C-alpha atoms as a PDB file:
ATOM      1  CA  MET A   1       0.000   0.000   0.000  1.00  0.00           C
ATOM      2  CA  SER A   2       1.531   3.273  -1.080  1.00  0.00           C
ATOM      3  CA  ARG A   3       0.860   6.443   0.837  1.00  0.00           C
ATOM      4  CA  GLU A   4       2.090   9.948   0.392  1.00  0.00           C
ATOM      5  CA  VAL A   5       3.589  11.518   3.482  1.00  0.00           C
ATOM      6  CA  LYS A   6       1.059  13.931   4.900  1.00  0.00           C
ATOM      7  CA  GLU A   7       1.877  17.525   5.662  1.00  0.00           C
ATOM      8  CA  ARG A   8       2.964  17.921   9.277  1.00  0.00           C
ATOM      9  CA  THR A   9       0.495  19.542  11.649  1.00  0.00           C
ATOM     10  CA  ILE A  10       1.179  21.689  14.689  1.00  0.00           C
ATOM     11  CA  LEU A  11       0.255  18.677  16.840  1.00  0.00           C
ATOM     12  CA  ASP A  12       2.717  16.427  14.947  1.00  0.00           C
ATOM     13  CA  LYS A  13       5.572  18.907  15.459  1.00  0.00           C
ATOM     14  CA  PHE A  14       4.647  19.464  19.108  1.00  0.00           C
ATOM     15  CA  ALA A  15       4.682  15.703  19.771  1.00  0.00           C
ATOM     16  CA  GLN A  16       7.978  15.210  17.948  1.00  0.00           C
ATOM     17  CA  ASP A  17       9.690  18.100  19.749  1.00  0.00           C
ATOM     18  CA  PHE A  18       8.468  16.817  23.113  1.00  0.00           C
ATOM     19  CA  VAL A  19       9.562  13.204  22.612  1.00  0.00           C
ATOM     20  CA  ASN A  20      12.941  14.327  21.291  1.00  0.00           C
ATOM     21  CA  VAL A  21      13.619  15.432  24.868  1.00  0.00           C
ATOM     22  CA  VAL A  22      11.804  12.621  26.691  1.00  0.00           C
ATOM     23  CA  GLU A  23      13.514   9.779  24.821  1.00  0.00           C
ATOM     24  CA  LYS A  24      16.891  10.888  26.199  1.00  0.00           C
ATOM     25  CA  HIS A  25      15.617  10.004  29.676  1.00  0.00           C
ATOM     26  CA  ALA A  26      12.930   7.314  29.429  1.00  0.00           C
ATOM     27  CA  LYS A  27      11.122   4.932  27.125  1.00  0.00           C
ATOM     28  CA  TYR A  28       7.736   6.292  26.159  1.00  0.00           C
ATOM     29  CA  ILE A  29       4.624   5.557  24.132  1.00  0.00           C
ATOM     30  CA  ILE A  30       2.062   7.799  22.517  1.00  0.00           C
ATOM     31  CA  VAL A  31      -1.465   6.521  23.214  1.00  0.00           C
ATOM     32  CA  SER A  32      -5.149   7.382  22.791  1.00  0.00           C
ATOM     33  CA  GLY A  33      -6.700   9.764  20.249  1.00  0.00           C
ATOM     34  CA  PHE A  34      -3.506  10.997  18.622  1.00  0.00           C
ATOM     35  CA  VAL A  35      -2.834   7.442  17.403  1.00  0.00           C
ATOM     36  CA  ALA A  36      -5.978   7.525  15.241  1.00  0.00           C
ATOM     37  CA  ILE A  37      -5.382  11.143  14.212  1.00  0.00           C
ATOM     38  CA  ALA A  38      -1.830  10.285  13.116  1.00  0.00           C
ATOM     39  CA  HIS A  39      -3.405   7.603  10.913  1.00  0.00           C
ATOM     40  CA  GLY A  40      -5.548  10.152   9.100  1.00  0.00           C
ATOM     41  CA  ARG A  41      -8.700  10.166  11.222  1.00  0.00           C
ATOM     42  CA  SER A  42     -10.247  13.602  11.040  1.00  0.00           C
ATOM     43  CA  ARG A  43     -11.227  14.711  14.516  1.00  0.00           C
ATOM     44  CA  GLY A  44     -10.161  17.508  16.790  1.00  0.00           C
ATOM     45  CA  THR A  45      -7.958  17.236  19.830  1.00  0.00           C
ATOM     46  CA  GLU A  46      -5.810  19.659  21.740  1.00  0.00           C
ATOM     47  CA  ASP A  47      -3.622  17.153  23.494  1.00  0.00           C
ATOM     48  CA  VAL A  48      -1.347  14.197  23.010  1.00  0.00           C
ATOM     49  CA  ASP A  49      -1.175  11.453  25.640  1.00  0.00           C
ATOM     50  CA  ILE A  50       2.196   9.980  26.542  1.00  0.00           C
ATOM     51  CA  ILE A  51       3.128   7.285  29.043  1.00  0.00           C
ATOM     52  CA  ILE A  52       6.719   7.055  30.188  1.00  0.00           C
ATOM     53  CA  GLN A  53       8.353   4.139  31.926  1.00  0.00           C
ATOM     54  CA  LYS A  54       8.664   4.391  35.708  1.00  0.00           C
ATOM     55  CA  VAL A  55      11.663   6.543  36.522  1.00  0.00           C
ATOM     56  CA  LYS A  56      13.244   7.586  39.765  1.00  0.00           C
ATOM     57  CA  LYS A  57      12.857  11.117  41.003  1.00  0.00           C
ATOM     58  CA  ASP A  58      16.363  12.271  40.034  1.00  0.00           C
ATOM     59  CA  ALA A  59      15.881  10.978  36.463  1.00  0.00           C
ATOM     60  CA  PHE A  60      12.546  12.769  36.197  1.00  0.00           C
ATOM     61  CA  ILE A  61      14.075  16.013  37.474  1.00  0.00           C
ATOM     62  CA  LYS A  62      16.718  15.863  34.723  1.00  0.00           C
ATOM     63  CA  MET A  63      14.037  15.180  32.107  1.00  0.00           C
ATOM     64  CA  HIS A  64      11.835  18.020  33.393  1.00  0.00           C
ATOM     65  CA  ASN A  65      14.772  20.432  33.382  1.00  0.00           C
ATOM     66  CA  ASP A  66      15.575  19.457  29.786  1.00  0.00           C
ATOM     67  CA  LEU A  67      11.926  19.979  28.804  1.00  0.00           C
ATOM     68  CA  VAL A  68      12.020  23.458  30.352  1.00  0.00           C
ATOM     69  CA  GLN A  69      15.293  24.184  28.545  1.00  0.00           C
ATOM     70  CA  ALA A  70      13.606  23.086  25.286  1.00  0.00           C
ATOM     71  CA  GLY A  71      10.783  25.594  25.794  1.00  0.00           C
ATOM     72  CA  PHE A  72       8.121  23.549  27.582  1.00  0.00           C
ATOM     73  CA  GLU A  73       6.471  24.208  30.932  1.00  0.00           C
ATOM     74  CA  CYS A  74       4.291  22.119  33.215  1.00  0.00           C
ATOM     75  CA  ILE A  75       0.864  23.580  33.937  1.00  0.00           C
ATOM     76  CA  GLN A  76       0.617  22.064  37.432  1.00  0.00           C
ATOM     77  CA  SER A  77       3.895  23.400  38.817  1.00  0.00           C
ATOM     78  CA  GLU A  78       7.308  24.751  37.946  1.00  0.00           C
ATOM     79  CA  SER A  79       8.829  22.523  40.640  1.00  0.00           C
ATOM     80  CA  SER A  80       9.998  19.167  39.314  1.00  0.00           C
ATOM     81  CA  GLU A  81       9.874  17.783  42.861  1.00  0.00           C
ATOM     82  CA  ILE A  82       6.213  18.759  43.311  1.00  0.00           C
ATOM     83  CA  ILE A  83       5.360  17.352  39.866  1.00  0.00           C
ATOM     84  CA  TYR A  84       6.975  14.041  40.753  1.00  0.00           C
ATOM     85  CA  ASP A  85       5.905  13.723  44.416  1.00  0.00           C
ATOM     86  CA  ASP A  86       2.381  15.153  44.219  1.00  0.00           C
ATOM     87  CA  TYR A  87       1.339  13.913  40.787  1.00  0.00           C
ATOM     88  CA  LEU A  88       3.366  11.301  38.946  1.00  0.00           C
ATOM     89  CA  LYS A  89       4.277   9.203  41.986  1.00  0.00           C
ATOM     90  CA  ASP A  90       0.568   9.110  42.877  1.00  0.00           C
ATOM     91  CA  LYS A  91      -0.322   7.970  39.332  1.00  0.00           C
ATOM     92  CA  THR A  92      -1.798  11.317  38.341  1.00  0.00           C
ATOM     93  CA  SER A  93      -0.990  12.864  34.978  1.00  0.00           C
ATOM     94  CA  VAL A  94       0.539  16.286  34.376  1.00  0.00           C
ATOM     95  CA  ARG A  95       0.272  18.555  31.376  1.00  0.00           C
ATOM     96  CA  TYR A  96       3.048  20.309  29.513  1.00  0.00           C
ATOM     97  CA  VAL A  97       2.659  23.121  26.987  1.00  0.00           C
ATOM     98  CA  ARG A  98       5.068  25.301  25.078  1.00  0.00           C
ATOM     99  CA  LYS A  99       5.955  28.322  27.199  1.00  0.00           C
ATOM    100  CA  GLY A 100       3.422  31.066  26.675  1.00  0.00           C
ATOM    101  CA  HIS A 101       0.827  28.838  24.953  1.00  0.00           C
ATOM    102  CA  PHE A 102      -2.247  27.057  26.235  1.00  0.00           C
ATOM    103  CA  ILE A 103      -2.517  24.466  23.492  1.00  0.00           C
ATOM    104  CA  PRO A 104      -1.522  21.959  22.389  1.00  0.00           C
ATOM    105  CA  GLU A 105      -0.889  20.029  25.595  1.00  0.00           C
ATOM    106  CA  MET A 106       1.112  16.903  26.306  1.00  0.00           C
ATOM    107  CA  GLU A 107      -0.584  14.824  28.994  1.00  0.00           C
ATOM    108  CA  LEU A 108       2.244  12.884  30.626  1.00  0.00           C
ATOM    109  CA  LYS A 109       1.691   9.844  32.817  1.00  0.00           C
ATOM    110  CA  MET A 110       4.149   7.453  34.356  1.00  0.00           C
ATOM    111  CA  ALA A 111       3.501   3.731  33.859  1.00  0.00           C
ATOM    112  CA  LYS A 112       1.260   2.605  36.699  1.00  0.00           C
ATOM    113  CA  ASP A 113       0.885  -1.160  36.361  1.00  0.00           C
ATOM    114  CA  GLU A 114       1.815  -4.289  34.415  1.00  0.00           C
ATOM    115  CA  LEU A 115      -0.460  -3.241  31.575  1.00  0.00           C
ATOM    116  CA  ASP A 116       1.436   0.015  31.049  1.00  0.00           C
ATOM    117  CA  ASP A 117       4.746  -1.835  31.332  1.00  0.00           C
ATOM    118  CA  TYR A 118       3.530  -4.249  28.622  1.00  0.00           C
ATOM    119  CA  GLN A 119       2.488  -1.331  26.402  1.00  0.00           C
ATOM    120  CA  ILE A 120       5.963   0.164  26.663  1.00  0.00           C
ATOM    121  CA  LYS A 121       7.613  -3.217  26.084  1.00  0.00           C
ATOM    122  CA  THR A 122       5.594  -3.774  22.887  1.00  0.00           C
ATOM    123  CA  ARG A 123       5.792  -0.212  21.574  1.00  0.00           C
ATOM    124  CA  ARG A 124       6.135   0.338  17.841  1.00  0.00           C
ATOM    125  CA  LYS A 125       6.952   2.997  15.328  1.00  0.00           C
ATOM    126  CA  LEU A 126       4.006   2.960  12.961  1.00  0.00           C
ATOM    127  CA  PRO A 127       5.170   3.752   9.401  1.00  0.00           C
ATOM    128  CA  LEU A 128       1.695   4.634   8.139  1.00  0.00           C
ATOM    129  CA  THR A 129       1.785   7.735  10.385  1.00  0.00           C
ATOM    130  CA  GLY A 130       4.924   9.129   8.765  1.00  0.00           C
ATOM    131  CA  LEU A 131       6.063  10.116  12.272  1.00  0.00           C
ATOM    132  CA  ASP A 132       9.255   9.083  14.046  1.00  0.00           C
ATOM    133  CA  LEU A 133       7.433   8.360  17.316  1.00  0.00           C
ATOM    134  CA  TYR A 134       6.819   5.262  19.406  1.00  0.00           C
ATOM    135  CA  PHE A 135       3.161   4.323  19.782  1.00  0.00           C
ATOM    136  CA  SER A 136       1.510   1.580  21.776  1.00  0.00           C
ATOM    137  CA  ASN A 137       0.739  -1.238  19.372  1.00  0.00           C
ATOM    138  CA  ILE A 138      -2.487  -1.124  17.357  1.00  0.00           C
ATOM    139  CA  GLU A 139      -4.095  -4.050  19.184  1.00  0.00           C
ATOM    140  CA  MET A 140      -3.472  -2.270  22.491  1.00  0.00           C
ATOM    141  CA  ASN A 141      -5.051   0.953  21.211  1.00  0.00           C
ATOM    142  CA  ILE A 142      -8.122  -0.849  19.928  1.00  0.00           C
ATOM    143  CA  ALA A 143      -8.549  -2.859  23.128  1.00  0.00           C
ATOM    144  CA  PHE A 144      -8.311   0.216  25.371  1.00  0.00           C
ATOM    145  CA  LYS A 145     -10.770   2.193  23.272  1.00  0.00           C
ATOM    146  CA  GLU A 146     -13.306  -0.646  23.035  1.00  0.00           C
ATOM    147  CA  GLU A 147     -12.996  -2.097  26.545  1.00  0.00           C
ATOM    148  CA  LEU A 148     -12.109   0.795  28.858  1.00  0.00           C
ATOM    149  CA  LEU A 149     -12.725   4.190  27.287  1.00  0.00           C
ATOM    150  CA  LYS A 150     -15.877   3.377  25.260  1.00  0.00           C
ATOM    151  CA  SER A 151     -16.892   6.950  24.354  1.00  0.00           C
ATOM    152  CA  GLU A 152     -18.337   7.527  20.891  1.00  0.00           C
ATOM    153  CA  LYS A 153     -15.099   9.100  19.654  1.00  0.00           C
ATOM    154  CA  ASP A 154     -13.048   6.217  21.127  1.00  0.00           C
ATOM    155  CA  ILE A 155     -15.211   3.610  19.388  1.00  0.00           C
ATOM    156  CA  ASP A 156     -14.889   5.603  16.147  1.00  0.00           C
ATOM    157  CA  ASP A 157     -11.088   5.747  16.665  1.00  0.00           C
ATOM    158  CA  ALA A 158     -10.981   1.969  17.186  1.00  0.00           C
ATOM    159  CA  ASN A 159     -13.086   1.366  14.075  1.00  0.00           C
ATOM    160  CA  HIS A 160     -10.759   3.635  12.066  1.00  0.00           C
ATOM    161  CA  LEU A 161      -7.705   1.655  13.222  1.00  0.00           C
ATOM    162  CA  ARG A 162      -9.485  -1.647  12.524  1.00  0.00           C
ATOM    163  CA  ILE A 163     -10.080  -0.550   8.916  1.00  0.00           C
ATOM    164  CA  ILE A 164      -6.494   0.621   8.352  1.00  0.00           C
ATOM    165  CA  TYR A 165      -4.920  -2.488   9.893  1.00  0.00           C
ATOM    166  CA  SER A 166      -7.612  -5.016   8.938  1.00  0.00           C
ATOM    167  CA  ASP A 167      -5.138  -7.261   7.111  1.00  0.00           C
ATOM    168  CA  ILE A 168      -2.711  -7.621  10.040  1.00  0.00           C
ATOM    169  CA  LEU A 169      -4.752  -7.299  13.254  1.00  0.00           C
ATOM    170  CA  ASP A 170      -4.298 -10.050  15.811  1.00  0.00           C
ATOM    171  CA  GLU A 171      -7.791 -10.531  17.293  1.00  0.00           C
ATOM    172  CA  ASN A 172      -6.441 -13.000  19.886  1.00  0.00           C
ATOM    173  CA  GLU A 173      -4.063 -10.315  21.134  1.00  0.00           C
ATOM    174  CA  ILE A 174      -6.950  -7.830  21.382  1.00  0.00           C
ATOM    175  CA  LYS A 175      -8.959 -10.377  23.430  1.00  0.00           C
ATOM    176  CA  LYS A 176      -5.976 -11.007  25.733  1.00  0.00           C
ATOM    177  CA  ILE A 177      -5.435  -7.274  26.277  1.00  0.00           C
ATOM    178  CA  LYS A 178      -9.147  -6.737  26.987  1.00  0.00           C
ATOM    179  CA  ALA A 179      -8.967  -9.479  29.645  1.00  0.00           C
ATOM    180  CA  ASP A 180      -5.915  -7.749  31.168  1.00  0.00           C
ATOM    181  CA  ILE A 181      -7.777  -4.413  31.143  1.00  0.00           C
ATOM    182  CA  ARG A 182     -10.649  -6.007  33.064  1.00  0.00           C
ATOM    183  CA  ARG A 183      -8.161  -7.501  35.531  1.00  0.00           C
ATOM    184  CA  PHE A 184      -6.024  -4.379  36.128  1.00  0.00           C
ATOM    185  CA  ARG A 185      -8.327  -1.427  35.411  1.00  0.00           C
ATOM    186  CA  LEU A 186     -11.969  -2.388  35.925  1.00  0.00           C
END
């Protein structure tokens, strides 16, 4: 299947600039709506969701400082220690923006359980996106959208991904992930 590389959007550039810093400090995955959008689904969003592997406080502080140096700021706090201790350590996400802007946002979460660890372990670069980013695998995205999130836009995202990857989807993997979601998240 041949595809022309799409023109880069503000959200694409924002995500790439952000992960260029993050990947120096931690493994990461892009998840949720941006996965479908990066595959050509036309729907609005103002944020990108990223999960990073569990890191110790000192490693996070270095990453945060590099993000600030690269022109990003955290909405919740300027203090890397507060961000880590009051949010990430307690499995709460934080949001980063470019300094002086309100959107787009990067919603950053630290891996919180075996399911997130598995997502990071099985991460993939998805050539159909034309982006040099690591995403959670397609089966994982579909399973989360169908089993946990279940909003109309999430179901539409999952259907979009099912169409694009219809010839290579592993339905047994989707079933296994859905069972893990029920075990760890529901």
